[in-house]
Amino acid sequence: MKFCAKCGKEILEEAVVCPNCGCAVTNPSVPQQIAEDQVSVGLCVLAALIPLFGIIYWPLKYKETPKKAQACGITAIISWAVSFCFGFVIGFLGAL
């Protein structure tokens, strides 16, 4: 048996809400999963330096950690676009 975090009454293990106070019962595995899916600065920096990494990482890890994968993929696409534009401008100025 477990206890309600709000009112302290004993509740069933499979309970979603407390039958006494109606408060939602917290699931200990959910906060851990949410904490693992925070945007990683290190992965974003890696995706900015090596855009191919981010573009590959996005679809491979999207089901497991969607926020982290999406941030990595978007960073890679933006990095690639900025590099392309910068290279185009440098090439254009070099031709003058």
PDB file of N, CA and C in Angstrom:
ATOM      1  N   MET A   1       0.833  -1.178   0.000  1.00  0.00           N
ATOM      2  CA  MET A   1       0.000   0.000   0.000  1.00  0.00           C
ATOM      3  C   MET A   1       0.881   1.246   0.000  1.00  0.00           C
ATOM      4  N   LYS A   2       0.338   2.299  -0.565  1.00  0.00           N
ATOM      5  CA  LYS A   2       1.044   3.579  -0.515  1.00  0.00           C
ATOM      6  C   LYS A   2       0.110   4.640   0.063  1.00  0.00           C
ATOM      7  N   PHE A   3       0.652   5.814   0.299  1.00  0.00           N
ATOM      8  CA  PHE A   3      -0.101   6.865   0.962  1.00  0.00           C
ATOM      9  C   PHE A   3      -0.185   8.098   0.070  1.00  0.00           C
ATOM     10  N   CYS A   4      -1.285   8.824   0.215  1.00  0.00           N
ATOM     11  CA  CYS A   4      -1.491  10.067  -0.527  1.00  0.00           C
ATOM     12  C   CYS A   4      -0.517  11.125  -0.016  1.00  0.00           C
ATOM     13  N   ALA A   5       0.108  11.836  -0.944  1.00  0.00           N
ATOM     14  CA  ALA A   5       1.063  12.873  -0.564  1.00  0.00           C
ATOM     15  C   ALA A   5       0.374  14.099   0.026  1.00  0.00           C
ATOM     16  N   LYS A   6      -0.891  14.302  -0.286  1.00  0.00           N
ATOM     17  CA  LYS A   6      -1.603  15.489   0.195  1.00  0.00           C
ATOM     18  C   LYS A   6      -2.278  15.262   1.549  1.00  0.00           C
ATOM     19  N   CYS A   7      -3.113  14.191   1.645  1.00  0.00           N
ATOM     20  CA  CYS A   7      -3.878  13.988   2.880  1.00  0.00           C
ATOM     21  C   CYS A   7      -3.300  12.897   3.787  1.00  0.00           C
ATOM     22  N   GLY A   8      -2.410  12.055   3.269  1.00  0.00           N
ATOM     23  CA  GLY A   8      -1.770  11.026   4.078  1.00  0.00           C
ATOM     24  C   GLY A   8      -2.560   9.739   4.246  1.00  0.00           C
ATOM     25  N   LYS A   9      -3.728   9.646   3.620  1.00  0.00           N
ATOM     26  CA  LYS A   9      -4.535   8.426   3.733  1.00  0.00           C
ATOM     27  C   LYS A   9      -3.916   7.301   2.906  1.00  0.00           C
ATOM     28  N   GLU A  10      -4.163   6.076   3.346  1.00  0.00           N
ATOM     29  CA  GLU A  10      -3.661   4.905   2.643  1.00  0.00           C
ATOM     30  C   GLU A  10      -4.490   4.687   1.368  1.00  0.00           C
ATOM     31  N   ILE A  11      -3.794   4.436   0.253  1.00  0.00           N
ATOM     32  CA  ILE A  11      -4.479   4.211  -1.029  1.00  0.00           C
ATOM     33  C   ILE A  11      -3.909   2.970  -1.699  1.00  0.00           C
ATOM     34  N   LEU A  12      -4.620   2.442  -2.675  1.00  0.00           N
ATOM     35  CA  LEU A  12      -4.169   1.266  -3.414  1.00  0.00           C
ATOM     36  C   LEU A  12      -2.962   1.604  -4.288  1.00  0.00           C
ATOM     37  N   GLU A  13      -2.157   0.588  -4.588  1.00  0.00           N
ATOM     38  CA  GLU A  13      -0.967   0.781  -5.412  1.00  0.00           C
ATOM     39  C   GLU A  13      -1.314   1.282  -6.810  1.00  0.00           C
ATOM     40  N   GLU A  14      -2.410   0.794  -7.388  1.00  0.00           N
ATOM     41  CA  GLU A  14      -2.779   1.150  -8.762  1.00  0.00           C
ATOM     42  C   GLU A  14      -3.653   2.397  -8.851  1.00  0.00           C
ATOM     43  N   ALA A  15      -3.879   3.079  -7.734  1.00  0.00           N
ATOM     44  CA  ALA A  15      -4.737   4.267  -7.711  1.00  0.00           C
ATOM     45  C   ALA A  15      -4.107   5.415  -8.493  1.00  0.00           C
ATOM     46  N   VAL A  16      -4.938   6.118  -9.256  1.00  0.00           N
ATOM     47  CA  VAL A  16      -4.489   7.280 -10.020  1.00  0.00           C
ATOM     48  C   VAL A  16      -4.813   8.559  -9.254  1.00  0.00           C
ATOM     49  N   VAL A  17      -5.956   8.549  -8.536  1.00  0.00           N
ATOM     50  CA  VAL A  17      -6.330   9.670  -7.683  1.00  0.00           C
ATOM     51  C   VAL A  17      -6.653   9.141  -6.288  1.00  0.00           C
ATOM     52  N   CYS A  18      -6.502   9.982  -5.300  1.00  0.00           N
ATOM     53  CA  CYS A  18      -6.814   9.601  -3.928  1.00  0.00           C
ATOM     54  C   CYS A  18      -8.335   9.585  -3.758  1.00  0.00           C
ATOM     55  N   PRO A  19      -8.916   8.468  -3.263  1.00  0.00           N
ATOM     56  CA  PRO A  19     -10.367   8.423  -3.079  1.00  0.00           C
ATOM     57  C   PRO A  19     -10.848   9.342  -1.955  1.00  0.00           C
ATOM     58  N   ASN A  20      -9.957   9.760  -1.071  1.00  0.00           N
ATOM     59  CA  ASN A  20     -10.337  10.621   0.047  1.00  0.00           C
ATOM     60  C   ASN A  20     -10.378  12.101  -0.349  1.00  0.00           C
ATOM     61  N   CYS A  21      -9.286  12.597  -0.942  1.00  0.00           N
ATOM     62  CA  CYS A  21      -9.213  14.031  -1.249  1.00  0.00           C
ATOM     63  C   CYS A  21      -9.306  14.349  -2.737  1.00  0.00           C
ATOM     64  N   GLY A  22      -9.161  13.348  -3.597  1.00  0.00           N
ATOM     65  CA  GLY A  22      -9.250  13.564  -5.039  1.00  0.00           C
ATOM     66  C   GLY A  22      -7.976  14.080  -5.677  1.00  0.00           C
ATOM     67  N   CYS A  23      -6.912  14.164  -4.923  1.00  0.00           N
ATOM     68  CA  CYS A  23      -5.629  14.639  -5.430  1.00  0.00           C
ATOM     69  C   CYS A  23      -5.010  13.568  -6.338  1.00  0.00           C
ATOM     70  N   ALA A  24      -4.369  14.000  -7.419  1.00  0.00           N
ATOM     71  CA  ALA A  24      -3.696  13.057  -8.314  1.00  0.00           C
ATOM     72  C   ALA A  24      -2.516  12.419  -7.586  1.00  0.00           C
ATOM     73  N   VAL A  25      -2.378  11.119  -7.749  1.00  0.00           N
ATOM     74  CA  VAL A  25      -1.295  10.382  -7.119  1.00  0.00           C
ATOM     75  C   VAL A  25      -0.080  10.478  -8.024  1.00  0.00           C
ATOM     76  N   THR A  26       1.048  10.851  -7.457  1.00  0.00           N
ATOM     77  CA  THR A  26       2.268  10.979  -8.254  1.00  0.00           C
ATOM     78  C   THR A  26       2.871   9.612  -8.501  1.00  0.00           C
ATOM     79  N   ASN A  27       3.392   9.447  -9.703  1.00  0.00           N
ATOM     80  CA  ASN A  27       4.057   8.212 -10.081  1.00  0.00           C
ATOM     81  C   ASN A  27       5.557   8.465 -10.027  1.00  0.00           C
ATOM     82  N   PRO A  28       6.322   7.734  -9.216  1.00  0.00           N
ATOM     83  CA  PRO A  28       7.747   8.036  -9.061  1.00  0.00           C
ATOM     84  C   PRO A  28       8.554   7.868 -10.337  1.00  0.00           C
ATOM     85  N   SER A  29       8.094   7.095 -11.318  1.00  0.00           N
ATOM     86  CA  SER A  29       8.871   6.900 -12.541  1.00  0.00           C
ATOM     87  C   SER A  29       8.705   8.063 -13.506  1.00  0.00           C
ATOM     88  N   VAL A  30       7.640   8.832 -13.410  1.00  0.00           N
ATOM     89  CA  VAL A  30       7.396   9.931 -14.339  1.00  0.00           C
ATOM     90  C   VAL A  30       8.389  11.074 -14.154  1.00  0.00           C
ATOM     91  N   PRO A  31       8.645  11.578 -12.928  1.00  0.00           N
ATOM     92  CA  PRO A  31       9.620  12.663 -12.799  1.00  0.00           C
ATOM     93  C   PRO A  31      11.010  12.287 -13.283  1.00  0.00           C
ATOM     94  N   GLN A  32      11.412  11.040 -13.101  1.00  0.00           N
ATOM     95  CA  GLN A  32      12.718  10.608 -13.568  1.00  0.00           C
ATOM     96  C   GLN A  32      12.772  10.676 -15.087  1.00  0.00           C
ATOM     97  N   GLN A  33      11.726  10.252 -15.763  1.00  0.00           N
ATOM     98  CA  GLN A  33      11.696  10.284 -17.218  1.00  0.00           C
ATOM     99  C   GLN A  33      11.706  11.725 -17.718  1.00  0.00           C
ATOM    100  N   ILE A  34      10.989  12.618 -17.055  1.00  0.00           N
ATOM    101  CA  ILE A  34      10.966  14.019 -17.450  1.00  0.00           C
ATOM    102  C   ILE A  34      12.345  14.642 -17.248  1.00  0.00           C
ATOM    103  N   ALA A  35      13.011  14.306 -16.160  1.00  0.00           N
ATOM    104  CA  ALA A  35      14.332  14.860 -15.881  1.00  0.00           C
ATOM    105  C   ALA A  35      15.351  14.421 -16.924  1.00  0.00           C
ATOM    106  N   GLU A  36      15.228  13.234 -17.458  1.00  0.00           N
ATOM    107  CA  GLU A  36      16.154  12.746 -18.468  1.00  0.00           C
ATOM    108  C   GLU A  36      15.935  13.413 -19.811  1.00  0.00           C
ATOM    109  N   ASP A  37      14.785  14.024 -20.041  1.00  0.00           N
ATOM    110  CA  ASP A  37      14.468  14.615 -21.330  1.00  0.00           C
ATOM    111  C   ASP A  37      14.636  16.136 -21.320  1.00  0.00           C
ATOM    112  N   GLN A  38      15.579  16.637 -20.571  1.00  0.00           N
ATOM    113  CA  GLN A  38      15.879  18.058 -20.600  1.00  0.00           C
ATOM    114  C   GLN A  38      16.857  18.326 -21.748  1.00  0.00           C
ATOM    115  N   VAL A  39      16.775  19.509 -22.316  1.00  0.00           N
ATOM    116  CA  VAL A  39      17.644  19.878 -23.423  1.00  0.00           C
ATOM    117  C   VAL A  39      19.090  19.863 -22.942  1.00  0.00           C
ATOM    118  N   SER A  40      19.939  19.205 -23.691  1.00  0.00           N
ATOM    119  CA  SER A  40      21.346  19.071 -23.330  1.00  0.00           C
ATOM    120  C   SER A  40      22.176  20.087 -24.110  1.00  0.00           C
ATOM    121  N   VAL A  41      22.842  20.969 -23.385  1.00  0.00           N
ATOM    122  CA  VAL A  41      23.676  21.989 -24.019  1.00  0.00           C
ATOM    123  C   VAL A  41      24.838  21.327 -24.763  1.00  0.00           C
ATOM    124  N   GLY A  42      25.403  20.302 -24.176  1.00  0.00           N
ATOM    125  CA  GLY A  42      26.521  19.613 -24.818  1.00  0.00           C
ATOM    126  C   GLY A  42      26.140  19.003 -26.157  1.00  0.00           C
ATOM    127  N   LEU A  43      24.969  18.364 -26.210  1.00  0.00           N
ATOM    128  CA  LEU A  43      24.522  17.787 -27.475  1.00  0.00           C
ATOM    129  C   LEU A  43      24.222  18.871 -28.501  1.00  0.00           C
ATOM    130  N   CYS A  44      23.671  19.985 -28.057  1.00  0.00           N
ATOM    131  CA  CYS A  44      23.382  21.082 -28.983  1.00  0.00           C
ATOM    132  C   CYS A  44      24.671  21.689 -29.536  1.00  0.00           C
ATOM    133  N   VAL A  45      25.691  21.825 -28.699  1.00  0.00           N
ATOM    134  CA  VAL A  45      26.978  22.339 -29.170  1.00  0.00           C
ATOM    135  C   VAL A  45      27.584  21.364 -30.172  1.00  0.00           C
ATOM    136  N   LEU A  46      27.517  20.078 -29.881  1.00  0.00           N
ATOM    137  CA  LEU A  46      28.019  19.072 -30.805  1.00  0.00           C
ATOM    138  C   LEU A  46      27.262  19.112 -32.127  1.00  0.00           C
ATOM    139  N   ALA A  47      25.945  19.284 -32.062  1.00  0.00           N
ATOM    140  CA  ALA A  47      25.136  19.370 -33.285  1.00  0.00           C
ATOM    141  C   ALA A  47      25.448  20.640 -34.060  1.00  0.00           C
ATOM    142  N   ALA A  48      25.812  21.719 -33.364  1.00  0.00           N
ATOM    143  CA  ALA A  48      26.174  22.958 -34.051  1.00  0.00           C
ATOM    144  C   ALA A  48      27.519  22.817 -34.754  1.00  0.00           C
ATOM    145  N   LEU A  49      28.448  22.101 -34.127  1.00  0.00           N
ATOM    146  CA  LEU A  49      29.768  21.913 -34.722  1.00  0.00           C
ATOM    147  C   LEU A  49      29.760  20.844 -35.811  1.00  0.00           C
ATOM    148  N   ILE A  50      28.945  19.812 -35.624  1.00  0.00           N
ATOM    149  CA  ILE A  50      28.841  18.721 -36.597  1.00  0.00           C
ATOM    150  C   ILE A  50      27.358  18.522 -36.911  1.00  0.00           C
ATOM    151  N   PRO A  51      26.816  19.289 -37.859  1.00  0.00           N
ATOM    152  CA  PRO A  51      25.379  19.228 -38.134  1.00  0.00           C
ATOM    153  C   PRO A  51      24.870  17.835 -38.528  1.00  0.00           C
ATOM    154  N   LEU A  52      25.685  17.047 -39.169  1.00  0.00           N
ATOM    155  CA  LEU A  52      25.249  15.701 -39.552  1.00  0.00           C
ATOM    156  C   LEU A  52      24.896  14.865 -38.323  1.00  0.00           C
ATOM    157  N   PHE A  53      25.619  15.062 -37.223  1.00  0.00           N
ATOM    158  CA  PHE A  53      25.316  14.362 -35.976  1.00  0.00           C
ATOM    159  C   PHE A  53      23.895  14.669 -35.512  1.00  0.00           C
ATOM    160  N   GLY A  54      23.553  15.953 -35.477  1.00  0.00           N
ATOM    161  CA  GLY A  54      22.224  16.362 -35.014  1.00  0.00           C
ATOM    162  C   GLY A  54      21.112  15.883 -35.910  1.00  0.00           C
ATOM    163  N   ILE A  55      21.345  15.888 -37.207  1.00  0.00           N
ATOM    164  CA  ILE A  55      20.325  15.447 -38.157  1.00  0.00           C
ATOM    165  C   ILE A  55      20.083  13.945 -38.032  1.00  0.00           C
ATOM    166  N   ILE A  56      21.111  13.188 -37.712  1.00  0.00           N
ATOM    167  CA  ILE A  56      20.960  11.743 -37.516  1.00  0.00           C
ATOM    168  C   ILE A  56      20.384  11.444 -36.133  1.00  0.00           C
ATOM    169  N   TYR A  57      20.797  12.198 -35.119  1.00  0.00           N
ATOM    170  CA  TYR A  57      20.357  11.973 -33.741  1.00  0.00           C
ATOM    171  C   TYR A  57      18.862  12.205 -33.576  1.00  0.00           C
ATOM    172  N   TRP A  58      18.321  13.206 -34.271  1.00  0.00           N
ATOM    173  CA  TRP A  58      16.915  13.589 -34.126  1.00  0.00           C
ATOM    174  C   TRP A  58      15.967  12.419 -34.357  1.00  0.00           C
ATOM    175  N   PRO A  59      15.967  11.763 -35.515  1.00  0.00           N
ATOM    176  CA  PRO A  59      15.002  10.666 -35.705  1.00  0.00           C
ATOM    177  C   PRO A  59      15.331   9.410 -34.897  1.00  0.00           C
ATOM    178  N   LEU A  60      16.607   9.205 -34.574  1.00  0.00           N
ATOM    179  CA  LEU A  60      16.970   8.001 -33.825  1.00  0.00           C
ATOM    180  C   LEU A  60      16.505   8.046 -32.371  1.00  0.00           C
ATOM    181  N   LYS A  61      16.540   9.199 -31.750  1.00  0.00           N
ATOM    182  CA  LYS A  61      16.237   9.315 -30.320  1.00  0.00           C
ATOM    183  C   LYS A  61      14.918  10.021 -30.020  1.00  0.00           C
ATOM    184  N   TYR A  62      14.117  10.342 -31.041  1.00  0.00           N
ATOM    185  CA  TYR A  62      12.915  11.143 -30.823  1.00  0.00           C
ATOM    186  C   TYR A  62      11.891  10.449 -29.928  1.00  0.00           C
ATOM    187  N   LYS A  63      11.743   9.133 -30.022  1.00  0.00           N
ATOM    188  CA  LYS A  63      10.748   8.436 -29.196  1.00  0.00           C
ATOM    189  C   LYS A  63      11.182   8.350 -27.734  1.00  0.00           C
ATOM    190  N   GLU A  64      12.469   8.243 -27.484  1.00  0.00           N
ATOM    191  CA  GLU A  64      12.965   8.110 -26.117  1.00  0.00           C
ATOM    192  C   GLU A  64      13.034   9.459 -25.396  1.00  0.00           C
ATOM    193  N   THR A  65      13.606  10.455 -26.046  1.00  0.00           N
ATOM    194  CA  THR A  65      13.778  11.783 -25.449  1.00  0.00           C
ATOM    195  C   THR A  65      13.417  12.845 -26.490  1.00  0.00           C
ATOM    196  N   PRO A  66      12.129  13.142 -26.653  1.00  0.00           N
ATOM    197  CA  PRO A  66      11.716  14.044 -27.738  1.00  0.00           C
ATOM    198  C   PRO A  66      12.249  15.473 -27.625  1.00  0.00           C
ATOM    199  N   LYS A  67      12.291  16.049 -26.432  1.00  0.00           N
ATOM    200  CA  LYS A  67      12.774  17.435 -26.295  1.00  0.00           C
ATOM    201  C   LYS A  67      14.256  17.534 -26.650  1.00  0.00           C
ATOM    202  N   LYS A  68      15.033  16.597 -26.122  1.00  0.00           N
ATOM    203  CA  LYS A  68      16.469  16.604 -26.358  1.00  0.00           C
ATOM    204  C   LYS A  68      16.774  16.373 -27.840  1.00  0.00           C
ATOM    205  N   ALA A  69      16.083  15.425 -28.459  1.00  0.00           N
ATOM    206  CA  ALA A  69      16.317  15.109 -29.865  1.00  0.00           C
ATOM    207  C   ALA A  69      15.902  16.262 -30.767  1.00  0.00           C
ATOM    208  N   GLN A  70      14.763  16.878 -30.478  1.00  0.00           N
ATOM    209  CA  GLN A  70      14.288  17.980 -31.296  1.00  0.00           C
ATOM    210  C   GLN A  70      15.237  19.178 -31.203  1.00  0.00           C
ATOM    211  N   ALA A  71      15.694  19.503 -30.015  1.00  0.00           N
ATOM    212  CA  ALA A  71      16.628  20.613 -29.846  1.00  0.00           C
ATOM    213  C   ALA A  71      17.922  20.350 -30.599  1.00  0.00           C
ATOM    214  N   CYS A  72      18.383  19.124 -30.553  1.00  0.00           N
ATOM    215  CA  CYS A  72      19.617  18.748 -31.241  1.00  0.00           C
ATOM    216  C   CYS A  72      19.438  18.859 -32.758  1.00  0.00           C
ATOM    217  N   GLY A  73      18.327  18.386 -33.276  1.00  0.00           N
ATOM    218  CA  GLY A  73      18.061  18.440 -34.712  1.00  0.00           C
ATOM    219  C   GLY A  73      17.885  19.862 -35.218  1.00  0.00           C
ATOM    220  N   ILE A  74      17.146  20.673 -34.479  1.00  0.00           N
ATOM    221  CA  ILE A  74      16.935  22.062 -34.892  1.00  0.00           C
ATOM    222  C   ILE A  74      18.247  22.838 -34.847  1.00  0.00           C
ATOM    223  N   THR A  75      19.064  22.597 -33.844  1.00  0.00           N
ATOM    224  CA  THR A  75      20.372  23.241 -33.765  1.00  0.00           C
ATOM    225  C   THR A  75      21.233  22.864 -34.964  1.00  0.00           C
ATOM    226  N   ALA A  76      21.187  21.604 -35.357  1.00  0.00           N
ATOM    227  CA  ALA A  76      21.972  21.152 -36.508  1.00  0.00           C
ATOM    228  C   ALA A  76      21.497  21.821 -37.799  1.00  0.00           C
ATOM    229  N   ILE A  77      20.189  21.931 -37.980  1.00  0.00           N
ATOM    230  CA  ILE A  77      19.656  22.552 -39.194  1.00  0.00           C
ATOM    231  C   ILE A  77      20.013  24.035 -39.245  1.00  0.00           C
ATOM    232  N   ILE A  78      19.892  24.724 -38.114  1.00  0.00           N
ATOM    233  CA  ILE A  78      20.244  26.147 -38.070  1.00  0.00           C
ATOM    234  C   ILE A  78      21.740  26.331 -38.321  1.00  0.00           C
ATOM    235  N   SER A  79      22.553  25.490 -37.732  1.00  0.00           N
ATOM    236  CA  SER A  79      23.997  25.564 -37.930  1.00  0.00           C
ATOM    237  C   SER A  79      24.363  25.342 -39.387  1.00  0.00           C
ATOM    238  N   TRP A  80      23.728  24.371 -40.006  1.00  0.00           N
ATOM    239  CA  TRP A  80      23.995  24.099 -41.420  1.00  0.00           C
ATOM    240  C   TRP A  80      23.591  25.293 -42.280  1.00  0.00           C
ATOM    241  N   ALA A  81      22.418  25.882 -42.011  1.00  0.00           N
ATOM    242  CA  ALA A  81      21.933  27.018 -42.793  1.00  0.00           C
ATOM    243  C   ALA A  81      22.852  28.230 -42.630  1.00  0.00           C
ATOM    244  N   VAL A  82      23.293  28.511 -41.403  1.00  0.00           N
ATOM    245  CA  VAL A  82      24.203  29.630 -41.165  1.00  0.00           C
ATOM    246  C   VAL A  82      25.533  29.388 -41.869  1.00  0.00           C
ATOM    247  N   SER A  83      26.055  28.182 -41.806  1.00  0.00           N
ATOM    248  CA  SER A  83      27.312  27.857 -42.479  1.00  0.00           C
ATOM    249  C   SER A  83      27.182  28.010 -43.991  1.00  0.00           C
ATOM    250  N   PHE A  84      26.052  27.576 -44.532  1.00  0.00           N
ATOM    251  CA  PHE A  84      25.818  27.686 -45.965  1.00  0.00           C
ATOM    252  C   PHE A  84      25.772  29.155 -46.390  1.00  0.00           C
ATOM    253  N   CYS A  85      25.035  29.972 -45.656  1.00  0.00           N
ATOM    254  CA  CYS A  85      24.924  31.401 -45.977  1.00  0.00           C
ATOM    255  C   CYS A  85      26.275  32.101 -45.825  1.00  0.00           C
ATOM    256  N   PHE A  86      26.993  31.772 -44.766  1.00  0.00           N
ATOM    257  CA  PHE A  86      28.307  32.368 -44.539  1.00  0.00           C
ATOM    258  C   PHE A  86      29.258  31.982 -45.668  1.00  0.00           C
ATOM    259  N   GLY A  87      29.256  30.736 -46.067  1.00  0.00           N
ATOM    260  CA  GLY A  87      30.094  30.282 -47.178  1.00  0.00           C
ATOM    261  C   GLY A  87      29.719  30.949 -48.490  1.00  0.00           C
ATOM    262  N   PHE A  88      28.434  31.150 -48.704  1.00  0.00           N
ATOM    263  CA  PHE A  88      27.967  31.811 -49.920  1.00  0.00           C
ATOM    264  C   PHE A  88      28.456  33.259 -49.961  1.00  0.00           C
ATOM    265  N   VAL A  89      28.348  33.968 -48.834  1.00  0.00           N
ATOM    266  CA  VAL A  89      28.786  35.365 -48.772  1.00  0.00           C
ATOM    267  C   VAL A  89      30.305  35.451 -48.961  1.00  0.00           C
ATOM    268  N   ILE A  90      31.057  34.586 -48.322  1.00  0.00           N
ATOM    269  CA  ILE A  90      32.511  34.575 -48.460  1.00  0.00           C
ATOM    270  C   ILE A  90      32.893  34.278 -49.908  1.00  0.00           C
ATOM    271  N   GLY A  91      32.221  33.338 -50.526  1.00  0.00           N
ATOM    272  CA  GLY A  91      32.487  33.012 -51.927  1.00  0.00           C
ATOM    273  C   GLY A  91      32.147  34.162 -52.851  1.00  0.00           C
ATOM    274  N   PHE A  92      31.046  34.823 -52.570  1.00  0.00           N
ATOM    275  CA  PHE A  92      30.641  35.965 -53.389  1.00  0.00           C
ATOM    276  C   PHE A  92      31.635  37.112 -53.257  1.00  0.00           C
ATOM    277  N   LEU A  93      32.057  37.395 -52.004  1.00  0.00           N
ATOM    278  CA  LEU A  93      33.024  38.471 -51.786  1.00  0.00           C
ATOM    279  C   LEU A  93      34.391  38.121 -52.369  1.00  0.00           C
ATOM    280  N   GLY A  94      34.731  36.853 -52.365  1.00  0.00           N
ATOM    281  CA  GLY A  94      36.003  36.418 -52.939  1.00  0.00           C
ATOM    282  C   GLY A  94      36.027  36.570 -54.455  1.00  0.00           C
ATOM    283  N   ALA A  95      34.864  36.481 -55.074  1.00  0.00           N
ATOM    284  CA  ALA A  95      34.787  36.615 -56.532  1.00  0.00           C
ATOM    285  C   ALA A  95      34.903  38.073 -56.966  1.00  0.00           C
ATOM    286  N   LEU A  96      34.647  38.997 -56.053  1.00  0.00           N
ATOM    287  CA  LEU A  96      34.752  40.417 -56.395  1.00  0.00           C
ATOM    288  C   LEU A  96      36.190  40.800 -56.425  1.00  0.00           C
TER     289      LEU A  96
END
